[in-house]
Amino acid sequence: MAIEISLINENEALTHWANSSHGSVFNHPKILGVLSQVVDWWAAKKGKQTQAIWPVCKPNGSDVDLPDLTYYVGPLWSNEVYPLPGHRSLARTTEVYNGFIEKLIENYGSIVASLPKGLHDVRVFDWWNYHQKSKPRFQIRPRFTACIEGLQEKSEEQILADFRQLRRRELRSIEKETTPPQRSFHWTADDLTNLYLEVVDDQTEEIKKANLNQIPSLVKLVNHGYGEVVAYQDPVSQRTIAACLLLYGNHEANMVLNLVDNQWRGTGLSALMIKEAILSAKSKGMSTFDFNGANSPNRGDDKHSYGAKPVLYFEIKYPG
């Protein structure tokens, strides 16, 4: 029985998202529809059984790409199919992925995806046009994020014990302040935008502009109950001086923004905010705290300093 690749609507995609262990906040149909102007949902079916679905995004409405500040936007396998037994795994993934590749190239001419965590067998993509030297191949990039897992099995003391000694020392320091910064519940999208402009200085103007344009959409999702912002205000001016934006998915918290005013760097405020964000995620039933990317030396080390372990995922692009 051949694989059939066809378009499905957002509600059908939502049903399949709920039935996939690869479902995350970033490939949730309702959320992805806010973060990208256009999302086409494709399904691979074998008979009546859906094997996997694949969202194709056009963030600007015309060009295939990944929405800014997102991860794991790629194929989601059905729990009724995946994981596959060893004797069928390669044959079935080859059949399904090749069906997707042919259909997506036919309709869009290109493919850009970030594979959900756990989808590590990328051989089918590597073998595309393997024996046709004149045709393009996929670009496959191994990437890492940083995750604290098993939150529901850990006490606050155990979570803090996994922090690097420097982070615990920073926490003790700021918590001993006579007037430490307090949580702010009156932050605005403009506050996050201003913080972003102040602290992000190692990205191109194009990336900065794209990320800034995404902040109102992220705030909209928070306001609709898909996440929260852990923010702090200056004890004197009441100005927002730090903000951590979290999105909540399927038992997983994703830290999309982590912003601290330059004047408060090195004071322990960042450690205090991260601690509060992790504990807040735990209180809401999340089992994993994903720092979302650990692919630069400084930021990667900073995220691991809170006890997060490296987790592999892949980005693919065609033509490579």
Protein backbone atom coordinates (compact mmCIF):
# COMPACT_ATOMS: atom_id res chain seq x y z
CA MET A 1 0.00 0.00 0.00
CA ALA A 2 1.60 3.26 -1.15
CA ILE A 3 2.09 6.38 0.97
CA GLU A 4 -0.29 9.21 0.09
CA ILE A 5 0.77 12.79 0.83
CA SER A 6 -2.02 15.37 1.05
CA LEU A 7 -2.91 18.68 2.67
CA ILE A 8 -4.96 18.70 5.89
CA ASN A 9 -6.56 21.57 7.80
CA GLU A 10 -5.44 23.06 11.10
CA ASN A 11 -8.01 21.17 13.18
CA GLU A 12 -6.92 17.84 11.69
CA ALA A 13 -3.31 18.80 12.37
CA LEU A 14 -4.18 19.61 15.99
CA THR A 15 -5.65 16.13 16.46
CA HIS A 16 -2.46 14.55 15.16
CA TRP A 17 -0.29 16.93 17.21
CA ALA A 18 -2.00 15.68 20.36
CA ASN A 19 -1.23 12.10 19.30
CA SER A 20 2.49 12.60 18.75
CA SER A 21 5.33 12.52 21.25
CA HIS A 22 7.12 14.91 18.85
CA GLY A 23 4.52 17.62 19.47
CA SER A 24 6.04 20.74 21.01
CA VAL A 25 4.83 24.26 21.60
CA PHE A 26 6.55 25.38 18.39
CA ASN A 27 4.75 22.91 16.12
CA HIS A 28 1.38 23.30 17.86
CA PRO A 29 -0.98 24.27 14.99
CA LYS A 30 -2.66 27.14 16.87
CA ILE A 31 0.67 28.58 18.02
CA LEU A 32 2.49 28.12 14.74
CA GLY A 33 -0.38 29.91 13.04
CA VAL A 34 0.42 33.00 15.13
CA LEU A 35 4.19 32.84 14.58
CA SER A 36 4.01 32.37 10.79
CA GLN A 37 1.79 34.20 8.29
CA VAL A 38 1.18 30.98 6.33
CA VAL A 39 1.37 27.36 7.49
CA ASP A 40 0.52 24.45 5.19
CA TRP A 41 -0.03 21.13 6.95
CA TRP A 42 0.80 17.95 5.03
CA ALA A 43 -0.04 14.41 6.13
CA ALA A 44 1.47 11.09 5.06
CA LYS A 45 -1.12 8.32 5.12
CA LYS A 46 -0.83 4.60 4.50
CA GLY A 47 -4.36 3.45 3.87
CA LYS A 48 -6.47 5.20 6.52
CA GLN A 49 -3.66 5.46 9.04
CA THR A 50 -1.74 8.74 9.34
CA GLN A 51 1.96 8.05 9.67
CA ALA A 52 3.23 11.59 10.19
CA ILE A 53 2.39 15.24 9.53
CA TRP A 54 4.70 18.04 8.39
CA PRO A 55 4.12 21.81 8.66
CA VAL A 56 5.55 24.03 5.91
CA CYS A 57 5.87 27.65 7.01
CA LYS A 58 6.02 30.89 5.07
CA PRO A 59 6.74 33.41 7.84
CA ASN A 60 6.56 36.41 5.50
CA GLY A 61 3.64 34.95 3.54
CA SER A 62 5.64 33.91 0.47
CA ASP A 63 9.01 32.28 1.22
CA VAL A 64 9.48 28.85 2.81
CA ASP A 65 11.46 29.23 6.03
CA LEU A 66 11.29 28.68 9.79
CA PRO A 67 9.60 31.37 11.88
CA ASP A 68 12.07 33.38 13.93
CA LEU A 69 12.70 32.27 17.51
CA THR A 70 11.22 28.80 16.93
CA TYR A 71 12.61 25.28 17.17
CA TYR A 72 11.55 21.72 16.21
CA VAL A 73 9.27 22.75 13.32
CA GLY A 74 9.35 19.60 11.24
CA PRO A 75 7.77 16.15 10.87
CA LEU A 76 5.66 14.76 13.73
CA TRP A 77 5.19 11.00 13.76
CA SER A 78 2.02 9.40 15.11
CA ASN A 79 2.34 7.55 18.42
CA GLU A 80 0.47 4.66 16.80
CA VAL A 81 3.33 4.25 14.33
CA TYR A 82 6.50 5.54 15.97
CA PRO A 83 8.85 4.28 17.32
CA LEU A 84 9.00 1.64 14.63
CA PRO A 85 10.32 -1.88 15.26
CA GLY A 86 13.88 -2.33 14.04
CA HIS A 87 12.99 -4.60 11.15
CA ARG A 88 10.60 -1.97 9.69
CA SER A 89 12.18 1.29 10.82
CA LEU A 90 14.39 2.18 7.87
CA ALA A 91 11.96 0.96 5.22
CA ARG A 92 9.03 2.91 6.67
CA THR A 93 10.95 6.15 7.38
CA THR A 94 12.40 5.98 3.86
CA GLU A 95 8.93 5.52 2.38
CA VAL A 96 7.36 8.34 4.40
CA TYR A 97 10.20 10.85 4.19
CA ASN A 98 10.71 10.28 0.47
CA GLY A 99 6.99 10.87 -0.05
CA PHE A 100 7.20 14.14 1.86
CA ILE A 101 10.37 15.24 0.07
CA GLU A 102 8.92 14.64 -3.38
CA LYS A 103 5.68 16.45 -2.57
CA LEU A 104 7.33 19.43 -0.87
CA ILE A 105 9.91 19.96 -3.59
CA GLU A 106 7.17 19.68 -6.20
CA ASN A 107 5.04 22.31 -4.45
CA TYR A 108 7.65 24.68 -3.00
CA GLY A 109 11.00 23.94 -4.61
CA SER A 110 12.72 23.94 -1.22
CA ILE A 111 12.54 22.44 2.27
CA VAL A 112 13.52 24.01 5.58
CA ALA A 113 12.88 22.15 8.82
CA SER A 114 14.08 21.72 12.37
CA LEU A 115 13.52 18.12 13.38
CA PRO A 116 11.85 17.55 16.76
CA LYS A 117 14.08 16.14 19.49
CA GLY A 118 14.44 12.38 19.23
CA LEU A 119 14.36 12.20 15.42
CA HIS A 120 18.05 11.41 14.97
CA ASP A 121 17.95 9.10 11.96
CA VAL A 122 18.57 11.57 9.14
CA ARG A 123 19.93 9.06 6.63
CA VAL A 124 16.97 9.38 4.27
CA PHE A 125 17.70 13.10 3.86
CA ASP A 126 21.41 12.42 3.44
CA TRP A 127 20.67 9.84 0.72
CA TRP A 128 18.45 12.13 -1.36
CA ASN A 129 20.12 12.45 -4.81
CA TYR A 130 22.96 10.33 -3.40
CA HIS A 131 23.82 8.81 -6.78
CA GLN A 132 22.95 11.87 -8.85
CA LYS A 133 26.01 14.05 -8.55
CA SER A 134 24.60 16.84 -10.71
CA LYS A 135 21.58 17.37 -8.41
CA PRO A 136 21.54 19.21 -5.07
CA ARG A 137 21.74 17.45 -1.70
CA PHE A 138 20.29 18.26 1.70
CA GLN A 139 22.24 20.36 4.17
CA ILE A 140 22.05 18.58 7.55
CA ARG A 141 23.24 20.46 10.64
CA PRO A 142 23.56 18.81 14.06
CA ARG A 143 22.42 21.31 16.72
CA PHE A 144 22.12 21.23 20.49
CA THR A 145 19.76 22.59 23.04
CA ALA A 146 20.04 22.47 26.84
CA CYS A 147 17.32 20.80 28.94
CA ILE A 148 16.55 20.18 32.58
CA GLU A 149 14.44 17.04 32.66
CA GLY A 150 12.45 15.26 35.37
CA LEU A 151 11.27 18.48 37.03
CA GLN A 152 8.30 16.79 38.69
CA GLU A 153 10.61 14.30 40.42
CA LYS A 154 12.93 17.00 41.77
CA SER A 155 12.52 19.22 44.81
CA GLU A 156 13.51 22.88 44.73
CA GLU A 157 16.61 21.98 46.72
CA GLN A 158 17.60 19.32 44.18
CA ILE A 159 17.08 21.72 41.28
CA LEU A 160 19.26 24.37 42.91
CA ALA A 161 21.90 21.78 43.84
CA ASP A 162 22.45 21.19 40.11
CA PHE A 163 23.26 24.89 39.57
CA ARG A 164 26.93 25.74 39.19
CA GLN A 165 28.48 27.02 42.39
CA LEU A 166 28.82 30.49 40.87
CA ARG A 167 25.07 30.63 40.18
CA ARG A 168 24.24 29.57 43.74
CA ARG A 169 26.60 32.22 45.06
CA GLU A 170 24.92 34.85 42.87
CA LEU A 171 21.53 33.81 44.20
CA ARG A 172 22.64 34.14 47.81
CA SER A 173 24.11 37.55 47.04
CA ILE A 174 21.05 39.11 45.43
CA GLU A 175 18.64 37.54 47.91
CA LYS A 176 20.56 39.20 50.74
CA GLU A 177 20.10 42.67 49.21
CA THR A 178 18.17 45.12 51.39
CA THR A 179 15.91 46.00 48.46
CA PRO A 180 16.23 43.23 45.87
CA PRO A 181 14.36 43.50 42.55
CA GLN A 182 10.76 42.30 42.76
CA ARG A 183 8.64 40.34 40.29
CA SER A 184 6.79 42.61 37.92
CA PHE A 185 3.37 41.71 36.60
CA HIS A 186 2.87 44.97 34.70
CA TRP A 187 5.40 44.45 31.92
CA THR A 188 4.52 45.34 28.31
CA ALA A 189 5.58 44.19 24.85
CA ASP A 190 7.49 47.46 24.55
CA ASP A 191 9.45 46.60 27.71
CA LEU A 192 10.57 43.33 26.11
CA THR A 193 11.41 45.08 22.86
CA ASN A 194 13.53 47.70 24.63
CA LEU A 195 15.37 45.06 26.64
CA TYR A 196 16.03 43.04 23.50
CA LEU A 197 17.50 46.06 21.71
CA GLU A 198 19.75 46.78 24.67
CA VAL A 199 21.18 43.33 25.30
CA VAL A 200 21.42 41.70 21.86
CA ASP A 201 24.52 43.01 20.14
CA ASP A 202 25.96 39.95 18.37
CA GLN A 203 23.38 39.50 15.62
CA THR A 204 22.96 41.04 12.19
CA GLU A 205 20.48 43.86 11.71
CA GLU A 206 18.34 41.53 9.60
CA ILE A 207 18.06 38.97 12.42
CA LYS A 208 17.45 41.70 15.01
CA LYS A 209 14.62 43.15 12.96
CA ALA A 210 13.02 39.73 12.40
CA ASN A 211 13.19 38.85 16.10
CA LEU A 212 11.78 42.23 17.10
CA ASN A 213 8.85 41.69 14.75
CA GLN A 214 8.19 38.35 16.45
CA ILE A 215 8.01 39.71 20.01
CA PRO A 216 4.40 41.04 19.73
CA SER A 217 3.30 37.61 18.47
CA LEU A 218 5.00 35.90 21.39
CA VAL A 219 3.34 38.28 23.84
CA LYS A 220 -0.01 37.58 22.15
CA LEU A 221 0.50 33.86 22.80
CA VAL A 222 1.34 34.52 26.45
CA ASN A 223 -1.80 36.64 26.82
CA HIS A 224 -3.83 33.77 25.33
CA GLY A 225 -2.57 31.38 27.99
CA TYR A 226 0.20 29.58 26.09
CA GLY A 227 2.98 30.79 28.37
CA GLU A 228 4.10 33.44 30.82
CA VAL A 229 6.66 36.19 31.30
CA VAL A 230 8.80 36.15 34.42
CA ALA A 231 9.85 39.79 34.76
CA TYR A 232 11.57 41.95 37.38
CA GLN A 233 11.46 45.67 38.06
CA ASP A 234 14.00 48.12 39.45
CA PRO A 235 13.30 48.62 43.18
CA VAL A 236 13.58 52.41 42.80
CA SER A 237 12.38 53.39 39.31
CA GLN A 238 9.96 50.46 38.89
CA ARG A 239 11.31 50.09 35.35
CA THR A 240 11.31 46.56 33.87
CA ILE A 241 14.93 45.43 34.03
CA ALA A 242 14.66 41.74 33.21
CA ALA A 243 12.24 39.43 31.44
CA CYS A 244 12.13 35.74 30.61
CA LEU A 245 9.41 34.68 28.17
CA LEU A 246 8.29 31.05 28.42
CA LEU A 247 5.96 29.11 26.15
CA TYR A 248 4.31 25.97 27.50
CA GLY A 249 3.72 22.93 25.34
CA ASN A 250 3.20 19.25 25.98
CA HIS A 251 4.68 19.02 29.52
CA GLU A 252 7.60 21.17 28.37
CA ALA A 253 8.55 24.78 29.08
CA ASN A 254 10.50 26.56 26.36
CA MET A 255 12.52 29.66 27.20
CA VAL A 256 12.19 31.84 24.11
CA LEU A 257 13.56 35.12 25.49
CA ASN A 258 16.01 35.72 28.34
CA LEU A 259 16.72 39.45 28.73
CA VAL A 260 18.52 41.32 31.50
CA ASP A 261 19.33 45.05 31.55
CA ASN A 262 23.07 45.61 31.09
CA GLN A 263 23.28 47.60 34.34
CA TRP A 264 22.06 44.52 36.22
CA ARG A 265 24.47 42.04 34.66
CA GLY A 266 26.62 40.28 37.22
CA THR A 267 24.31 41.13 40.12
CA GLY A 268 22.67 37.71 40.34
CA LEU A 269 19.40 38.93 38.84
CA SER A 270 19.74 36.58 35.88
CA ALA A 271 20.20 33.59 38.19
CA LEU A 272 17.22 34.71 40.29
CA MET A 273 15.01 35.04 37.21
CA ILE A 274 16.04 31.66 35.78
CA LYS A 275 15.40 29.99 39.14
CA GLU A 276 11.94 31.56 39.33
CA ALA A 277 11.18 30.53 35.73
CA ILE A 278 12.18 26.90 36.34
CA LEU A 279 10.14 26.69 39.55
CA SER A 280 7.15 28.33 37.87
CA ALA A 281 7.31 25.79 35.05
CA LYS A 282 7.48 22.97 37.59
CA SER A 283 4.45 24.36 39.46
CA LYS A 284 2.47 24.27 36.20
CA GLY A 285 3.16 20.57 35.70
CA MET A 286 6.00 20.84 33.18
CA SER A 287 8.48 17.96 33.26
CA THR A 288 11.15 19.53 31.01
CA PHE A 289 12.67 23.01 30.94
CA ASP A 290 14.23 23.67 27.53
CA PHE A 291 16.60 26.64 27.28
CA ASN A 292 16.14 26.54 23.47
CA GLY A 293 19.51 26.30 21.85
CA ALA A 294 23.03 25.98 23.21
CA ASN A 295 25.05 26.55 20.06
CA SER A 296 27.47 29.33 20.92
CA PRO A 297 30.34 29.04 23.43
CA ASN A 298 29.21 31.73 25.88
CA ARG A 299 25.45 31.18 25.77
CA GLY A 300 25.81 27.42 25.72
CA ASP A 301 27.97 27.42 28.83
CA ASP A 302 25.63 29.85 30.58
CA LYS A 303 22.62 27.59 30.01
CA HIS A 304 24.46 24.51 31.21
CA SER A 305 25.45 26.39 34.38
CA TYR A 306 21.87 25.86 35.58
CA GLY A 307 22.18 22.09 35.42
CA ALA A 308 20.81 21.64 31.91
CA LYS A 309 22.12 18.71 29.87
CA PRO A 310 22.88 18.81 26.11
CA VAL A 311 20.19 17.41 23.81
CA LEU A 312 20.79 16.81 20.09
CA TYR A 313 18.47 17.81 17.27
CA PHE A 314 18.93 18.41 13.54
CA GLU A 315 18.19 21.18 11.07
CA ILE A 316 17.75 20.26 7.42
CA LYS A 317 17.61 22.40 4.29
CA TYR A 318 17.12 21.66 0.61
CA PRO A 319 18.81 22.67 -1.61
CA GLY A 320 21.75 22.47 0.80
